[in-house]
């Protein structure tokens, strides 16, 4: 995967959507937090 294949579209979406900039990697943490809150054991994935 080319690094900019995710980075550039994310920047464009943030800019067009008026969202505060963020680090794409943070989505991983948010996903796993929400997964755990819903009762799923992330260690079993």
N, C-alpha and C. Protein backbone atom coordinates (compact mmCIF):
# COMPACT_ATOMS: atom_id res chain seq x y z
N UNK A 1 0.84 -1.17 0.00
CA UNK A 1 0.00 0.00 0.00
C UNK A 1 0.89 1.24 0.00
N UNK A 2 0.52 2.18 -0.77
CA UNK A 2 1.25 3.44 -0.82
C UNK A 2 0.73 4.34 0.30
N UNK A 3 1.64 4.92 1.05
CA UNK A 3 1.25 5.71 2.23
C UNK A 3 0.23 6.79 1.90
N UNK A 4 0.38 7.45 0.78
CA UNK A 4 -0.52 8.55 0.44
C UNK A 4 -1.88 8.07 -0.05
N UNK A 5 -2.04 6.77 -0.25
CA UNK A 5 -3.32 6.26 -0.75
C UNK A 5 -4.43 6.44 0.29
N UNK A 6 -4.08 6.53 1.55
CA UNK A 6 -5.05 6.77 2.61
C UNK A 6 -4.95 8.22 3.10
N UNK A 7 -3.75 8.72 3.19
CA UNK A 7 -3.50 10.05 3.76
C UNK A 7 -4.19 11.17 2.98
N UNK A 8 -3.98 11.20 1.68
CA UNK A 8 -4.52 12.30 0.89
C UNK A 8 -6.05 12.32 0.84
N UNK A 9 -6.73 11.18 0.61
CA UNK A 9 -8.20 11.21 0.66
C UNK A 9 -8.74 11.60 2.04
N UNK A 10 -8.03 11.20 3.09
CA UNK A 10 -8.47 11.57 4.44
C UNK A 10 -8.37 13.07 4.63
N UNK A 11 -7.27 13.67 4.20
CA UNK A 11 -7.12 15.12 4.31
C UNK A 11 -8.22 15.84 3.54
N UNK A 12 -8.51 15.34 2.36
CA UNK A 12 -9.55 15.95 1.54
C UNK A 12 -10.91 15.87 2.23
N UNK A 13 -11.24 14.71 2.78
CA UNK A 13 -12.52 14.53 3.47
C UNK A 13 -12.62 15.42 4.71
N UNK A 14 -11.53 15.54 5.45
CA UNK A 14 -11.51 16.39 6.64
C UNK A 14 -11.75 17.84 6.24
N UNK A 15 -11.06 18.27 5.20
CA UNK A 15 -11.19 19.65 4.74
C UNK A 15 -12.61 19.94 4.23
N UNK A 16 -13.13 19.06 3.40
CA UNK A 16 -14.46 19.27 2.82
C UNK A 16 -15.58 19.12 3.85
N UNK A 17 -15.36 18.27 4.84
CA UNK A 17 -16.39 18.03 5.84
C UNK A 17 -16.35 18.97 7.02
N UNK A 18 -15.33 19.82 7.07
CA UNK A 18 -15.22 20.75 8.18
C UNK A 18 -14.88 20.09 9.50
N UNK A 19 -14.26 18.92 9.43
CA UNK A 19 -13.89 18.17 10.63
C UNK A 19 -12.52 18.64 11.11
N UNK A 20 -12.35 18.66 12.43
CA UNK A 20 -11.05 19.02 12.98
C UNK A 20 -10.02 17.95 12.57
N UNK A 21 -8.84 18.34 12.10
CA UNK A 21 -7.83 17.35 11.68
C UNK A 21 -7.51 16.35 12.79
N UNK A 22 -7.19 15.13 12.39
CA UNK A 22 -6.87 14.07 13.33
C UNK A 22 -5.86 13.13 12.69
N UNK A 23 -5.25 12.29 13.49
CA UNK A 23 -4.31 11.29 13.01
C UNK A 23 -5.12 10.05 12.65
N UNK A 24 -4.97 9.57 11.43
CA UNK A 24 -5.75 8.44 10.95
C UNK A 24 -5.63 7.23 11.87
N UNK A 25 -4.46 7.07 12.47
CA UNK A 25 -4.20 5.94 13.37
C UNK A 25 -5.15 5.95 14.57
N UNK A 26 -5.61 7.15 14.97
CA UNK A 26 -6.52 7.25 16.11
C UNK A 26 -7.81 6.48 15.89
N UNK A 27 -8.22 6.31 14.64
CA UNK A 27 -9.44 5.57 14.36
C UNK A 27 -9.36 4.14 14.87
N UNK A 28 -8.16 3.57 14.86
CA UNK A 28 -7.96 2.21 15.37
C UNK A 28 -8.34 2.14 16.84
N UNK A 29 -7.87 3.13 17.60
CA UNK A 29 -8.15 3.15 19.03
C UNK A 29 -9.65 3.36 19.30
N UNK A 30 -10.24 4.25 18.54
CA UNK A 30 -11.68 4.50 18.70
C UNK A 30 -12.47 3.24 18.38
N UNK A 31 -12.10 2.57 17.31
CA UNK A 31 -12.80 1.34 16.92
C UNK A 31 -12.72 0.29 18.03
N UNK A 32 -11.51 0.07 18.54
CA UNK A 32 -11.34 -0.96 19.56
C UNK A 32 -12.03 -0.58 20.87
N UNK A 33 -12.06 0.70 21.20
CA UNK A 33 -12.77 1.15 22.40
C UNK A 33 -14.26 0.86 22.26
N UNK A 34 -14.82 1.26 21.13
CA UNK A 34 -16.26 1.04 20.91
C UNK A 34 -16.59 -0.45 20.84
N UNK A 35 -15.69 -1.23 20.27
CA UNK A 35 -15.88 -2.68 20.19
C UNK A 35 -15.96 -3.27 21.59
N UNK A 36 -15.03 -2.86 22.46
CA UNK A 36 -15.03 -3.33 23.83
C UNK A 36 -16.26 -2.89 24.60
N UNK A 37 -16.70 -1.66 24.37
CA UNK A 37 -17.89 -1.15 25.04
C UNK A 37 -19.15 -1.91 24.64
N UNK A 38 -19.12 -2.49 23.45
CA UNK A 38 -20.28 -3.24 22.99
C UNK A 38 -20.26 -4.70 23.46
N UNK A 39 -19.19 -5.07 24.19
CA UNK A 39 -19.13 -6.40 24.78
C UNK A 39 -18.32 -7.42 23.99
N UNK A 40 -17.69 -7.00 22.92
CA UNK A 40 -16.87 -7.91 22.12
C UNK A 40 -15.47 -8.01 22.73
N UNK A 41 -14.94 -9.22 22.80
CA UNK A 41 -13.58 -9.44 23.28
C UNK A 41 -12.63 -9.27 22.12
N UNK A 42 -11.91 -8.15 22.08
CA UNK A 42 -10.99 -7.83 20.98
C UNK A 42 -9.81 -8.79 20.93
N UNK A 43 -9.49 -9.43 22.04
CA UNK A 43 -8.36 -10.38 22.05
C UNK A 43 -8.67 -11.63 21.24
N UNK A 44 -9.94 -11.91 21.04
CA UNK A 44 -10.33 -13.08 20.28
C UNK A 44 -10.38 -12.85 18.78
N UNK A 45 -10.10 -11.61 18.36
CA UNK A 45 -10.17 -11.30 16.92
C UNK A 45 -8.93 -11.74 16.20
